[in-house]
Amino acid sequence: MPKFDVSKRDLERLVGKTFSVEEWEDLFLYAKCELDDVWEENGEIYFKADSKDTNRPDLWSAEGIARQVRFALGFQKGLPKYEVEKSDVVVYVDEKLKDIRPYGVYAIVEGLNIDEEALRQMINLQEKVSLTFGRRRREVAIGIFDFDKVKPPIYYRAVEKTEKFIPLGYDEEMTLEEILEKHEKGREYGHLIKDKPFYPLLVDSEGKVLSMPPVINSEITGRVTTETKNVFVDITGWDLNKIMLALNVVVTALAERGGKIKSVKVIYPDFEIETPDLTPKEFEVELDYIRKLAGLELSDEEIKELLERMMYEVKLEDGRAKLRYPAFRDDIMHARDVLEDVLIAYGYNEIEPEEPKLAVQGRGDKFIEFEDAVRELMVGFGLQEVMTFNLTNREAQYDRMNLEFGKDYFNHPPAELVEIENPISPKWSALRNWLIPSLLDFLSQNTHEEYPQKLFEVGKATLIDESRETKTVSESKLAVALAHPRVTFTEAKEILDSVMRHLGFEYELEEAEHPSFIPGRAGKILVNGKAIGIIGEIHPAVLENWGIEMPVAAFELFLAPLYTEPYL
């Protein structure tokens, strides 16, 4: 979670009121932060704020915290308003950037009065948004420039690697390749563009370089100081919606310092946009839903007042609240998100806890007991249980398994994969939809261990299900992998026979072609005519992809179709 330092004096200047340190400990909660540390430096008190929400980059600075506190305390109500004046500044985006770093959005903020603390917060917000929300600049990279040193129009170009400019912190020109090799930021972020045929460069009409996104700004235009009055904001990335949100966060934070926002026209090869777009977003929620889940007897007007303190514009109509909320937020996806804001404004510490009045007797879930019984059965067959991560990636689920993504192999695996929109790491970017790749991954990391290796896992696979509220469903599965020099289809089938016999099911095998398995040595597992699993010898190409030199036989099946009571 993002942590950052803020000055007590600066916060209070932005809020318009002074508070004790103890009061600030409670006030931080309105901004979904905790007060992690307090210290004094040169006669000034500083706080370390620990944000508890990675979806609220607007709260990762003194400006964001102060704004939320002003509204929460009722100093302001409803929707914060920011005027955006049109400018005549244009940025032209090069078509060749399509597969390099395709999108850029821009804004101008004028009339700033930047002191040391404001400058520190500007840099802090820039870095925190780029690192956390921007996934270490892969998704979002931010540049802020002294606009008085820039001559529009501005060009976002794809250029040769031999182009030169003076990077921030240096006093001599370097080629773009040299920057990636020698500059600290080039070594840290150069991998994001290093293998591209061209490098992105932001330049003005006189050829002055502003930055080399997403790596480093130039020394000439990219050094903002306390003397700077007008800034040009540049944000690049791969997702236009995401970088638009980041731009909204940055420019509204600067507006909290008294800056005047001006828009920039961005001309792409096939469309044009005006940025930033601070049009409020809309959502509706049933008031009874808020009351029911909050467990509070709140009137319609009380809910309205609480929401207004969390920066919503509220219109009550037919038992519903029609909401408009700021463009710097993108975290309202469900009514529960609105409920959370109601409870924050109400105050979690103000809610009286109640003990449940129902007398209930707990017992184990029957299906969980069934899964445990299957585990005991597999251990009895001499297999070793492993527990692997549900998080994986498309490469592991498809590419390494010799499969074509999007093709349905009789549901092993399904054609669709639940992928994470903003993964922390490419390695953990999806939820698995079958288990055998996880077992092969385990085998690949234990090639130095003695063979035979006989593994099983009872675990979850996550599948698309449009009929459910979450659009997904987690299915319990059993997967087995056997690895040793003489392993065969027959050995895996013998274990499958024993499993089915103990569970009281008859099954059939139907020969099937599946790219993960050796042709002629793979089959569907059928129960009551329905395919519930797959069995076979793993294809040599798949083993090579995983770095496994030993033959492997495996099977995998859904457990729900085999669940009956009593079992085993």
Protein backbone atom coordinates (compact mmCIF):
# COMPACT_ATOMS: atom_id res chain seq x y z
CA MET A 1 0.00 0.00 0.00
CA PRO A 2 1.30 3.50 -0.79
CA LYS A 3 2.99 5.37 2.06
CA PHE A 4 3.97 9.02 1.84
CA ASP A 5 4.99 11.97 4.03
CA VAL A 6 2.90 15.08 4.55
CA SER A 7 3.46 18.23 6.58
CA LYS A 8 0.92 18.99 9.31
CA ARG A 9 1.21 22.70 8.54
CA ASP A 10 0.67 22.14 4.82
CA LEU A 11 -2.34 19.89 5.41
CA GLU A 12 -3.94 22.47 7.68
CA ARG A 13 -3.25 25.24 5.19
CA LEU A 14 -5.12 23.22 2.55
CA VAL A 15 -8.00 22.30 4.91
CA GLY A 16 -8.30 25.80 6.35
CA LYS A 17 -8.22 24.77 10.01
CA THR A 18 -5.70 23.52 12.58
CA PHE A 19 -6.05 20.28 14.53
CA SER A 20 -4.13 18.40 17.19
CA VAL A 21 -2.04 15.36 16.25
CA GLU A 22 -4.62 13.17 18.01
CA GLU A 23 -7.41 14.69 15.93
CA TRP A 24 -5.43 14.07 12.75
CA GLU A 25 -5.20 10.39 13.65
CA ASP A 26 -9.00 10.20 13.23
CA LEU A 27 -9.18 12.60 10.29
CA PHE A 28 -6.86 10.42 8.19
CA LEU A 29 -9.52 7.69 8.30
CA TYR A 30 -11.82 9.82 6.14
CA ALA A 31 -9.18 9.59 3.41
CA LYS A 32 -8.82 5.79 3.83
CA CYS A 33 -5.39 6.29 5.40
CA GLU A 34 -3.82 5.49 8.72
CA LEU A 35 -1.33 7.68 10.57
CA ASP A 36 1.74 5.47 10.49
CA ASP A 37 4.28 7.77 12.13
CA VAL A 38 4.74 11.31 13.49
CA TRP A 39 8.01 13.20 13.81
CA GLU A 40 9.39 16.72 14.09
CA GLU A 41 11.94 18.16 11.69
CA ASN A 42 13.28 21.73 11.80
CA GLY A 43 10.44 22.74 14.08
CA GLU A 44 7.76 21.32 11.78
CA ILE A 45 5.57 18.25 12.41
CA TYR A 46 5.36 15.58 9.69
CA PHE A 47 3.05 12.61 9.28
CA LYS A 48 3.61 9.35 7.43
CA ALA A 49 0.30 8.43 5.82
CA ASP A 50 -0.37 4.79 5.01
CA SER A 51 -3.06 4.53 2.32
CA LYS A 52 -5.32 1.49 2.58
CA ASP A 53 -6.81 1.70 -0.90
CA THR A 54 -4.82 1.10 -4.07
CA ASN A 55 -7.84 2.21 -6.16
CA ARG A 56 -7.84 5.80 -4.82
CA PRO A 57 -4.73 7.55 -6.19
CA ASP A 58 -6.53 10.86 -5.61
CA LEU A 59 -5.88 10.34 -1.88
CA TRP A 60 -2.11 9.80 -2.17
CA SER A 61 -1.05 13.39 -1.48
CA ALA A 62 -1.59 16.22 0.96
CA GLU A 63 -3.97 17.85 -1.53
CA GLY A 64 -6.15 14.73 -1.78
CA ILE A 65 -6.26 14.12 1.97
CA ALA A 66 -7.06 17.77 2.73
CA ARG A 67 -9.82 17.85 0.12
CA GLN A 68 -11.45 14.74 1.54
CA VAL A 69 -11.21 16.06 5.10
CA ARG A 70 -12.79 19.41 4.11
CA PHE A 71 -15.78 17.62 2.65
CA ALA A 72 -16.03 15.02 5.43
CA LEU A 73 -16.16 17.78 8.05
CA GLY A 74 -18.82 19.66 6.10
CA PHE A 75 -16.66 22.66 5.12
CA GLN A 76 -17.76 21.85 1.57
CA LYS A 77 -20.55 19.59 0.34
CA GLY A 78 -21.47 17.79 -2.82
CA LEU A 79 -19.37 17.57 -5.93
CA PRO A 80 -16.02 19.39 -6.06
CA LYS A 81 -15.97 21.60 -9.13
CA TYR A 82 -12.99 22.43 -11.29
CA GLU A 83 -13.15 24.78 -14.25
CA VAL A 84 -11.27 23.70 -17.37
CA GLU A 85 -10.44 26.48 -19.83
CA LYS A 86 -9.61 25.58 -23.43
CA SER A 87 -6.13 26.44 -24.66
CA ASP A 88 -4.80 26.58 -28.21
CA VAL A 89 -2.09 24.00 -27.41
CA VAL A 90 -2.03 20.90 -29.61
CA VAL A 91 -0.10 17.63 -29.24
CA TYR A 92 0.36 15.44 -32.31
CA VAL A 93 0.78 11.69 -31.70
CA ASP A 94 2.92 9.64 -34.10
CA GLU A 95 1.25 6.60 -35.71
CA LYS A 96 4.48 4.61 -35.28
CA LEU A 97 3.94 4.64 -31.49
CA LYS A 98 1.05 2.19 -31.84
CA ASP A 99 3.09 -0.84 -30.72
CA ILE A 100 5.60 1.11 -28.63
CA ARG A 101 3.65 3.29 -26.18
CA PRO A 102 0.53 4.39 -28.05
CA TYR A 103 -1.33 6.92 -25.89
CA GLY A 104 -0.58 10.27 -24.35
CA VAL A 105 -2.86 12.76 -22.57
CA TYR A 106 -1.94 16.28 -21.54
CA ALA A 107 -2.97 19.39 -19.61
CA ILE A 108 -1.69 22.81 -18.59
CA VAL A 109 -1.99 24.21 -15.06
CA GLU A 110 -1.23 27.92 -14.71
CA GLY A 111 -0.87 30.37 -11.85
CA LEU A 112 0.77 28.05 -9.34
CA ASN A 113 2.52 29.31 -6.21
CA ILE A 114 4.92 26.46 -5.49
CA ASP A 115 6.78 26.37 -2.20
CA GLU A 116 9.08 23.55 -1.04
CA GLU A 117 6.25 21.50 0.46
CA ALA A 118 4.02 21.89 -2.59
CA LEU A 119 6.94 20.83 -4.80
CA ARG A 120 7.58 17.80 -2.63
CA GLN A 121 3.92 16.77 -2.82
CA MET A 122 3.91 17.22 -6.61
CA ILE A 123 6.91 14.91 -6.97
CA ASN A 124 5.48 12.46 -4.42
CA LEU A 125 2.15 12.19 -6.23
CA GLN A 126 3.86 11.81 -9.59
CA GLU A 127 5.99 8.94 -8.28
CA LYS A 128 3.30 7.16 -6.25
CA VAL A 129 0.78 7.15 -9.09
CA SER A 130 3.41 5.94 -11.58
CA LEU A 131 4.77 3.23 -9.30
CA THR A 132 1.61 1.82 -7.74
CA PHE A 133 -1.35 2.69 -9.95
CA GLY A 134 0.91 2.73 -13.03
CA ARG A 135 2.62 -0.61 -12.27
CA ARG A 136 6.12 0.85 -12.15
CA ARG A 137 5.45 3.11 -15.16
CA ARG A 138 4.40 0.20 -17.41
CA GLU A 139 0.76 1.37 -17.44
CA VAL A 140 1.15 5.03 -16.41
CA ALA A 141 4.18 7.32 -16.63
CA ILE A 142 3.91 10.99 -15.64
CA GLY A 143 5.98 13.98 -16.65
CA ILE A 144 5.55 17.54 -15.32
CA PHE A 145 7.37 20.36 -17.12
CA ASP A 146 7.95 24.10 -16.84
CA PHE A 147 5.48 25.25 -19.49
CA ASP A 148 7.17 28.63 -19.88
CA LYS A 149 10.15 26.79 -21.42
CA VAL A 150 8.00 24.93 -23.95
CA LYS A 151 7.01 26.21 -27.40
CA PRO A 152 3.78 24.57 -28.74
CA PRO A 153 2.70 22.71 -30.76
CA ILE A 154 4.13 19.59 -29.16
CA TYR A 155 4.90 16.27 -30.83
CA TYR A 156 4.83 12.78 -29.30
CA ARG A 157 7.08 10.94 -31.73
CA ALA A 158 8.72 7.60 -32.41
CA VAL A 159 12.38 8.38 -33.11
CA GLU A 160 15.68 6.68 -33.86
CA LYS A 161 17.71 5.49 -30.89
CA THR A 162 20.57 7.80 -31.89
CA GLU A 163 18.57 10.96 -31.02
CA LYS A 164 20.14 13.04 -28.23
CA PHE A 165 19.08 15.24 -25.32
CA ILE A 166 20.25 16.21 -21.83
CA PRO A 167 18.45 13.95 -19.31
CA LEU A 168 17.32 15.24 -15.92
CA GLY A 169 20.20 15.43 -13.48
CA TYR A 170 22.91 15.55 -16.19
CA ASP A 171 24.70 18.44 -17.91
CA GLU A 172 25.62 16.82 -21.22
CA GLU A 173 23.75 15.29 -24.12
CA MET A 174 23.36 11.53 -24.35
CA THR A 175 21.82 9.33 -27.03
CA LEU A 176 18.63 7.53 -26.12
CA GLU A 177 20.54 4.24 -26.06
CA GLU A 178 23.16 5.73 -23.74
CA ILE A 179 20.44 6.97 -21.39
CA LEU A 180 19.06 3.43 -21.07
CA GLU A 181 22.53 2.07 -20.34
CA LYS A 182 24.02 4.78 -18.12
CA HIS A 183 21.28 6.85 -16.47
CA GLU A 184 19.86 5.54 -13.19
CA LYS A 185 16.28 5.83 -14.46
CA GLY A 186 17.30 4.31 -17.80
CA ARG A 187 18.60 1.20 -16.08
CA GLU A 188 15.48 1.01 -13.91
CA TYR A 189 12.81 1.57 -16.58
CA GLY A 190 14.58 1.03 -19.88
CA HIS A 191 13.23 -2.51 -20.20
CA LEU A 192 9.81 -1.01 -20.98
CA ILE A 193 11.00 0.22 -24.39
CA LYS A 194 14.46 -1.28 -24.92
CA ASP A 195 13.40 -3.92 -27.46
CA LYS A 196 11.23 -1.55 -29.53
CA PRO A 197 12.31 -0.50 -33.06
CA PHE A 198 11.93 3.19 -32.12
CA TYR A 199 11.89 5.08 -28.85
CA PRO A 200 9.16 7.54 -27.77
CA LEU A 201 10.14 11.18 -27.45
CA LEU A 202 8.11 14.27 -26.53
CA VAL A 203 9.40 17.43 -28.25
CA ASP A 204 8.17 20.96 -28.82
CA SER A 205 7.99 22.93 -32.07
CA GLU A 206 11.60 24.13 -31.68
CA GLY A 207 12.88 20.59 -31.27
CA LYS A 208 13.45 20.90 -27.50
CA VAL A 209 12.99 17.54 -25.80
CA LEU A 210 10.52 17.41 -22.92
CA SER A 211 10.90 13.73 -22.07
CA MET A 212 11.61 10.20 -23.16
CA PRO A 213 8.49 8.42 -21.83
CA PRO A 214 8.36 6.39 -19.66
CA VAL A 215 12.01 6.76 -18.63
CA ILE A 216 13.23 10.31 -17.93
CA ASN A 217 12.46 14.01 -18.40
CA SER A 218 14.90 16.44 -19.93
CA GLU A 219 17.02 18.76 -17.83
CA ILE A 220 15.95 21.82 -19.83
CA THR A 221 12.16 21.60 -19.49
CA GLY A 222 11.65 18.83 -16.97
CA ARG A 223 13.05 20.51 -13.87
CA VAL A 224 10.21 22.13 -11.92
CA THR A 225 11.26 24.47 -9.08
CA THR A 226 9.69 26.90 -6.63
CA GLU A 227 10.14 29.55 -9.34
CA THR A 228 7.85 27.63 -11.73
CA LYS A 229 4.42 29.21 -12.21
CA ASN A 230 2.92 27.24 -15.10
CA VAL A 231 3.29 23.52 -15.77
CA PHE A 232 2.60 21.16 -18.65
CA VAL A 233 1.48 17.66 -17.58
CA ASP A 234 2.19 14.64 -19.80
CA ILE A 235 0.93 11.11 -19.08
CA THR A 236 1.57 8.14 -21.37
CA GLY A 237 0.59 4.49 -21.34
CA TRP A 238 -1.29 1.67 -23.05
CA ASP A 239 -4.82 2.22 -21.73
CA LEU A 240 -6.39 5.56 -22.64
CA ASN A 241 -8.97 5.39 -19.83
CA LYS A 242 -6.32 4.66 -17.23
CA ILE A 243 -4.01 7.52 -18.19
CA MET A 244 -7.01 9.88 -18.41
CA LEU A 245 -7.81 9.01 -14.79
CA ALA A 246 -4.20 9.63 -13.74
CA LEU A 247 -4.28 13.01 -15.50
CA ASN A 248 -7.47 13.93 -13.63
CA VAL A 249 -5.80 13.02 -10.33
CA VAL A 250 -2.72 15.15 -11.02
CA VAL A 251 -4.42 18.28 -12.39
CA THR A 252 -7.08 18.43 -9.66
CA ALA A 253 -4.36 18.09 -7.02
CA LEU A 254 -2.56 21.06 -8.61
CA ALA A 255 -5.86 22.96 -8.74
CA GLU A 256 -6.11 22.51 -4.97
CA ARG A 257 -2.94 24.66 -4.86
CA GLY A 258 -4.73 27.45 -6.71
CA GLY A 259 -3.77 26.40 -10.23
CA LYS A 260 -6.01 27.08 -13.24
CA ILE A 261 -6.53 24.04 -15.47
CA LYS A 262 -6.35 24.40 -19.24
CA SER A 263 -7.12 21.65 -21.73
CA VAL A 264 -4.94 20.40 -24.59
CA LYS A 265 -6.11 19.00 -27.92
CA VAL A 266 -4.49 15.63 -28.69
CA ILE A 267 -4.51 14.60 -32.34
CA TYR A 268 -4.06 10.88 -33.04
CA PRO A 269 -3.82 9.43 -36.57
CA ASP A 270 -7.47 8.33 -36.46
CA PHE A 271 -9.18 10.46 -33.77
CA GLU A 272 -8.91 13.60 -31.64
CA ILE A 273 -9.58 14.21 -27.95
CA GLU A 274 -9.52 17.15 -25.55
CA THR A 275 -7.84 16.46 -22.22
CA PRO A 276 -8.40 16.51 -19.31
CA ASP A 277 -12.05 15.47 -19.18
CA LEU A 278 -13.39 16.28 -15.71
CA THR A 279 -17.02 15.41 -16.51
CA PRO A 280 -18.52 13.84 -13.34
CA LYS A 281 -19.34 10.14 -13.42
CA GLU A 282 -22.77 8.72 -12.57
CA PHE A 283 -24.13 5.84 -10.49
CA GLU A 284 -27.42 4.80 -8.87
CA VAL A 285 -28.04 2.94 -5.63
CA GLU A 286 -31.12 1.80 -3.73
CA LEU A 287 -31.43 3.49 -0.35
CA ASP A 288 -32.88 0.37 1.29
CA TYR A 289 -29.78 -1.54 0.17
CA ILE A 290 -27.61 1.00 2.04
CA ARG A 291 -29.76 0.73 5.16
CA LYS A 292 -29.90 -3.06 5.11
CA LEU A 293 -26.17 -3.68 4.73
CA ALA A 294 -25.15 -0.81 7.00
CA GLY A 295 -27.45 -2.07 9.74
CA LEU A 296 -28.31 1.53 10.55
CA GLU A 297 -31.68 3.28 10.73
CA LEU A 298 -30.81 6.12 8.39
CA SER A 299 -33.37 8.39 6.77
CA ASP A 300 -33.13 9.24 3.09
CA GLU A 301 -31.91 12.73 3.97
CA GLU A 302 -29.28 11.36 6.35
CA ILE A 303 -27.89 9.10 3.61
CA LYS A 304 -27.88 12.07 1.24
CA GLU A 305 -25.99 14.21 3.76
CA LEU A 306 -23.41 11.47 4.38
CA LEU A 307 -22.82 11.01 0.65
CA GLU A 308 -22.46 14.75 0.13
CA ARG A 309 -19.69 14.71 2.70
CA MET A 310 -17.92 12.10 0.53
CA MET A 311 -17.99 14.35 -2.55
CA TYR A 312 -21.16 13.05 -4.22
CA GLU A 313 -23.86 15.15 -5.80
CA VAL A 314 -27.06 13.40 -4.70
CA LYS A 315 -30.57 13.43 -6.13
CA LEU A 316 -33.19 11.36 -4.27
CA GLU A 317 -35.87 9.81 -6.43
CA ASP A 318 -38.28 6.87 -5.86
CA GLY A 319 -36.22 5.22 -3.12
CA ARG A 320 -32.99 5.57 -5.05
CA ALA A 321 -30.04 7.91 -4.94
CA LYS A 322 -28.87 9.18 -8.30
CA LEU A 323 -25.23 10.07 -7.82
CA ARG A 324 -22.61 12.11 -9.62
CA TYR A 325 -19.05 11.78 -8.36
CA PRO A 326 -15.64 13.24 -9.31
CA ALA A 327 -13.80 12.26 -12.49
CA PHE A 328 -10.66 11.55 -10.46
CA ARG A 329 -12.37 8.46 -8.98
CA ASP A 330 -12.72 5.13 -10.78
CA ASP A 331 -13.48 2.83 -7.87
CA ILE A 332 -17.30 2.87 -7.87
CA MET A 333 -18.21 -0.45 -9.47
CA HIS A 334 -20.93 -1.75 -7.13
CA ALA A 335 -23.42 -0.42 -4.61
CA ARG A 336 -21.12 -1.74 -1.89
CA ASP A 337 -18.54 0.86 -2.89
CA VAL A 338 -21.11 3.59 -2.20
CA LEU A 339 -22.05 1.87 1.06
CA GLU A 340 -18.40 2.01 2.13
CA ASP A 341 -18.37 5.79 1.65
CA VAL A 342 -21.57 6.13 3.69
CA LEU A 343 -19.98 4.20 6.56
CA ILE A 344 -16.73 6.21 6.37
CA ALA A 345 -18.70 9.46 6.61
CA TYR A 346 -20.86 8.07 9.44
CA GLY A 347 -17.74 6.87 11.28
CA TYR A 348 -16.93 3.22 11.89
CA ASN A 349 -16.20 4.02 15.52
CA GLU A 350 -19.73 5.38 15.91
CA ILE A 351 -21.37 2.06 15.00
CA GLU A 352 -22.44 0.10 18.04
CA PRO A 353 -21.52 -3.59 17.70
CA GLU A 354 -24.29 -6.12 18.28
CA GLU A 355 -23.92 -9.76 19.12
CA PRO A 356 -25.90 -12.14 16.88
CA LYS A 357 -29.24 -13.06 18.48
CA LEU A 358 -29.59 -16.35 16.63
CA ALA A 359 -28.50 -19.49 18.45
CA VAL A 360 -26.70 -21.56 15.83
CA GLN A 361 -24.52 -24.61 15.96
CA GLY A 362 -21.64 -24.68 13.52
CA ARG A 363 -20.73 -27.69 11.43
CA GLY A 364 -18.38 -28.40 8.60
CA ASP A 365 -19.48 -27.81 5.04
CA LYS A 366 -20.35 -31.16 3.48
CA PHE A 367 -18.57 -30.49 0.21
CA ILE A 368 -15.41 -29.41 2.06
CA GLU A 369 -15.59 -32.68 3.96
CA PHE A 370 -15.92 -34.47 0.62
CA GLU A 371 -12.79 -32.70 -0.69
CA ASP A 372 -10.90 -33.70 2.47
CA ALA A 373 -12.01 -37.30 2.00
CA VAL A 374 -10.70 -37.24 -1.59
CA ARG A 375 -7.39 -35.91 -0.29
CA GLU A 376 -7.13 -38.76 2.22
CA LEU A 377 -7.94 -41.22 -0.55
CA MET A 378 -5.15 -39.87 -2.78
CA VAL A 379 -2.62 -40.00 0.05
CA GLY A 380 -3.67 -43.61 0.57
CA PHE A 381 -2.66 -44.29 -3.05
CA GLY A 382 0.85 -43.11 -2.22
CA LEU A 383 0.58 -39.67 -3.81
CA GLN A 384 2.02 -36.45 -2.39
CA GLU A 385 -0.32 -33.50 -1.99
CA VAL A 386 0.75 -30.08 -3.25
CA MET A 387 -1.02 -26.77 -2.86
CA THR A 388 -0.26 -24.30 -5.65
CA PHE A 389 -1.37 -20.74 -6.34
CA ASN A 390 -4.70 -19.95 -7.98
CA LEU A 391 -3.01 -16.98 -9.62
CA THR A 392 -1.12 -17.73 -12.81
CA ASN A 393 -0.83 -16.30 -16.33
CA ARG A 394 -1.99 -16.96 -19.87
CA GLU A 395 1.42 -18.32 -20.92
CA ALA A 396 1.33 -21.05 -18.27
CA GLN A 397 -2.30 -22.01 -18.93
CA TYR A 398 -2.07 -22.04 -22.74
CA ASP A 399 1.25 -21.31 -24.45
CA ARG A 400 3.38 -23.72 -22.43
CA MET A 401 0.64 -26.32 -22.68
CA ASN A 402 0.80 -26.18 -26.49
CA LEU A 403 -2.71 -24.72 -26.64
CA GLU A 404 -4.35 -21.97 -28.64
CA PHE A 405 -5.91 -19.30 -26.44
CA GLY A 406 -9.62 -18.86 -27.11
CA LYS A 407 -10.19 -22.45 -28.24
CA ASP A 408 -12.37 -24.75 -26.12
CA TYR A 409 -10.81 -28.17 -25.53
CA PHE A 410 -14.01 -29.76 -24.19
CA ASN A 411 -13.64 -27.47 -21.15
CA HIS A 412 -10.08 -28.64 -20.33
CA PRO A 413 -9.22 -25.82 -20.34
CA PRO A 414 -12.19 -23.60 -21.25
CA ALA A 415 -11.87 -21.08 -24.08
CA GLU A 416 -11.98 -18.11 -21.68
CA LEU A 417 -9.61 -17.07 -18.93
CA VAL A 418 -10.31 -14.70 -16.03
CA GLU A 419 -7.52 -12.16 -16.36
CA ILE A 420 -6.65 -9.36 -13.92
CA GLU A 421 -6.97 -5.87 -15.34
CA ASN A 422 -4.07 -4.35 -13.37
CA PRO A 423 -1.81 -7.21 -12.26
CA ILE A 424 1.07 -6.52 -9.89
CA SER A 425 3.23 -8.86 -11.96
CA PRO A 426 2.80 -10.49 -15.41
CA LYS A 427 3.47 -13.80 -13.66
CA TRP A 428 0.30 -13.38 -11.57
CA SER A 429 -2.06 -11.92 -14.17
CA ALA A 430 -4.91 -14.47 -14.33
CA LEU A 431 -6.87 -17.01 -12.32
CA ARG A 432 -6.22 -20.55 -13.47
CA ASN A 433 -8.93 -22.48 -15.28
CA TRP A 434 -7.24 -25.87 -15.00
CA LEU A 435 -4.75 -27.45 -12.58
CA ILE A 436 -2.38 -29.64 -14.62
CA PRO A 437 -0.19 -26.63 -15.58
CA SER A 438 0.26 -25.92 -11.87
CA LEU A 439 1.48 -29.48 -11.28
CA LEU A 440 3.88 -29.24 -14.23
CA ASP A 441 5.18 -25.96 -12.82
CA PHE A 442 5.81 -27.74 -9.52
CA LEU A 443 7.63 -30.59 -11.28
CA SER A 444 9.74 -28.11 -13.25
CA GLN A 445 10.98 -26.60 -9.99
CA ASN A 446 11.85 -29.98 -8.50
CA THR A 447 13.77 -31.72 -11.29
CA HIS A 448 16.69 -32.16 -8.87
CA GLU A 449 14.57 -34.31 -6.53
CA GLU A 450 14.44 -38.10 -6.60
CA TYR A 451 11.99 -39.87 -8.90
CA PRO A 452 9.32 -41.18 -9.07
CA GLN A 453 7.37 -38.02 -8.21
CA LYS A 454 3.66 -38.67 -7.78
CA LEU A 455 1.61 -35.55 -7.09
CA PHE A 456 -1.98 -34.55 -6.65
CA GLU A 457 -3.89 -31.38 -5.89
CA VAL A 458 -7.48 -30.72 -4.88
CA GLY A 459 -7.92 -27.08 -5.77
CA LYS A 460 -10.03 -24.42 -7.43
CA ALA A 461 -10.29 -23.45 -11.08
CA THR A 462 -12.03 -20.16 -11.89
CA LEU A 463 -14.37 -20.15 -14.89
CA ILE A 464 -16.48 -17.52 -16.65
CA ASP A 465 -20.19 -17.67 -15.70
CA GLU A 466 -22.22 -14.72 -16.99
CA SER A 467 -25.27 -15.79 -14.95
CA ARG A 468 -23.57 -14.92 -11.65
CA GLU A 469 -23.16 -11.50 -10.09
CA THR A 470 -19.36 -11.79 -10.20
CA LYS A 471 -19.48 -13.29 -13.73
CA THR A 472 -17.25 -16.11 -12.48
CA VAL A 473 -17.49 -19.40 -10.60
CA SER A 474 -14.84 -21.39 -8.73
CA GLU A 475 -15.01 -25.11 -9.41
CA SER A 476 -13.29 -27.74 -7.28
CA LYS A 477 -11.05 -30.12 -9.23
CA LEU A 478 -8.73 -33.07 -8.66
CA ALA A 479 -5.50 -33.22 -10.66
CA VAL A 480 -2.85 -35.95 -10.60
CA ALA A 481 0.62 -35.99 -12.21
CA LEU A 482 3.01 -38.95 -12.23
CA ALA A 483 6.64 -38.46 -13.29
CA HIS A 484 9.28 -41.20 -13.69
CA PRO A 485 11.14 -42.92 -16.56
CA ARG A 486 8.58 -45.70 -17.16
CA VAL A 487 5.31 -43.88 -16.49
CA THR A 488 2.45 -44.72 -18.88
CA PHE A 489 -1.17 -43.89 -19.58
CA THR A 490 -2.07 -47.20 -17.88
CA GLU A 491 -0.54 -46.17 -14.56
CA ALA A 492 -2.57 -42.97 -14.48
CA LYS A 493 -5.71 -44.90 -15.48
CA GLU A 494 -5.22 -47.38 -12.62
CA ILE A 495 -5.33 -44.51 -10.12
CA LEU A 496 -8.38 -43.04 -11.89
CA ASP A 497 -10.09 -46.47 -11.72
CA SER A 498 -9.48 -46.62 -7.97
CA VAL A 499 -10.78 -43.09 -7.42
CA MET A 500 -13.99 -43.77 -9.33
CA ARG A 501 -14.53 -47.12 -7.62
CA HIS A 502 -14.15 -45.61 -4.15
CA LEU A 503 -16.50 -42.75 -5.04
CA GLY A 504 -19.07 -45.21 -6.37
CA PHE A 505 -19.11 -44.02 -10.01
CA GLU A 506 -18.79 -45.83 -13.29
CA TYR A 507 -17.04 -43.93 -16.04
CA GLU A 508 -16.02 -44.28 -19.66
CA LEU A 509 -12.96 -43.12 -21.58
CA GLU A 510 -13.33 -41.67 -25.03
CA GLU A 511 -10.24 -41.17 -27.18
CA ALA A 512 -9.58 -37.48 -27.79
CA GLU A 513 -7.05 -35.27 -29.53
CA HIS A 514 -5.60 -32.67 -27.20
CA PRO A 515 -2.38 -30.70 -27.97
CA SER A 516 -1.16 -30.99 -24.36
CA PHE A 517 -1.04 -34.79 -24.63
CA ILE A 518 0.66 -37.30 -26.93
CA PRO A 519 -1.65 -38.20 -29.87
CA GLY A 520 -3.38 -41.52 -29.29
CA ARG A 521 -2.60 -41.41 -25.56
CA ALA A 522 -5.28 -39.02 -24.33
CA GLY A 523 -8.94 -39.40 -23.52
CA LYS A 524 -12.01 -37.68 -22.16
CA ILE A 525 -13.32 -38.89 -18.81
CA LEU A 526 -17.09 -39.34 -19.17
CA VAL A 527 -19.64 -39.80 -16.38
CA ASN A 528 -23.26 -40.29 -17.46
CA GLY A 529 -22.23 -39.32 -20.97
CA LYS A 530 -20.79 -35.94 -19.90
CA ALA A 531 -17.09 -35.04 -20.12
CA ILE A 532 -15.85 -34.17 -16.62
CA GLY A 533 -12.13 -34.52 -17.15
CA ILE A 534 -9.12 -35.53 -19.21
CA ILE A 535 -6.35 -38.11 -18.90
CA GLY A 536 -3.21 -38.83 -20.88
CA GLU A 537 0.55 -38.72 -21.32
CA ILE A 538 1.93 -35.18 -21.53
CA HIS A 539 3.28 -34.20 -24.94
CA PRO A 540 7.13 -33.95 -25.18
CA ALA A 541 6.82 -30.38 -26.51
CA VAL A 542 4.91 -29.40 -23.36
CA LEU A 543 7.53 -31.05 -21.15
CA GLU A 544 10.24 -29.16 -23.02
CA ASN A 545 8.35 -25.89 -22.49
CA TRP A 546 8.41 -26.54 -18.75
CA GLY A 547 12.02 -27.81 -18.69
CA ILE A 548 10.95 -31.29 -17.55
CA GLU A 549 13.11 -34.16 -18.88
CA MET A 550 11.06 -36.98 -17.35
CA PRO A 551 7.88 -38.47 -18.93
CA VAL A 552 4.65 -37.40 -17.20
CA ALA A 553 1.18 -38.93 -17.17
CA ALA A 554 -1.69 -36.92 -15.71
CA PHE A 555 -5.41 -36.60 -15.30
CA GLU A 556 -7.76 -33.92 -14.09
CA LEU A 557 -11.50 -33.91 -13.35
CA PHE A 558 -14.27 -31.84 -11.81
CA LEU A 559 -15.29 -33.03 -8.33
CA ALA A 560 -18.82 -31.57 -8.18
CA PRO A 561 -20.29 -34.25 -10.54
CA LEU A 562 -18.86 -36.94 -8.22
CA TYR A 563 -20.27 -35.51 -5.00
CA THR A 564 -22.93 -37.60 -3.32
CA GLU A 565 -23.82 -38.36 0.29
CA PRO A 566 -22.68 -40.62 1.79
CA TYR A 567 -19.32 -40.76 0.07
CA LEU A 568 -16.32 -43.02 0.51
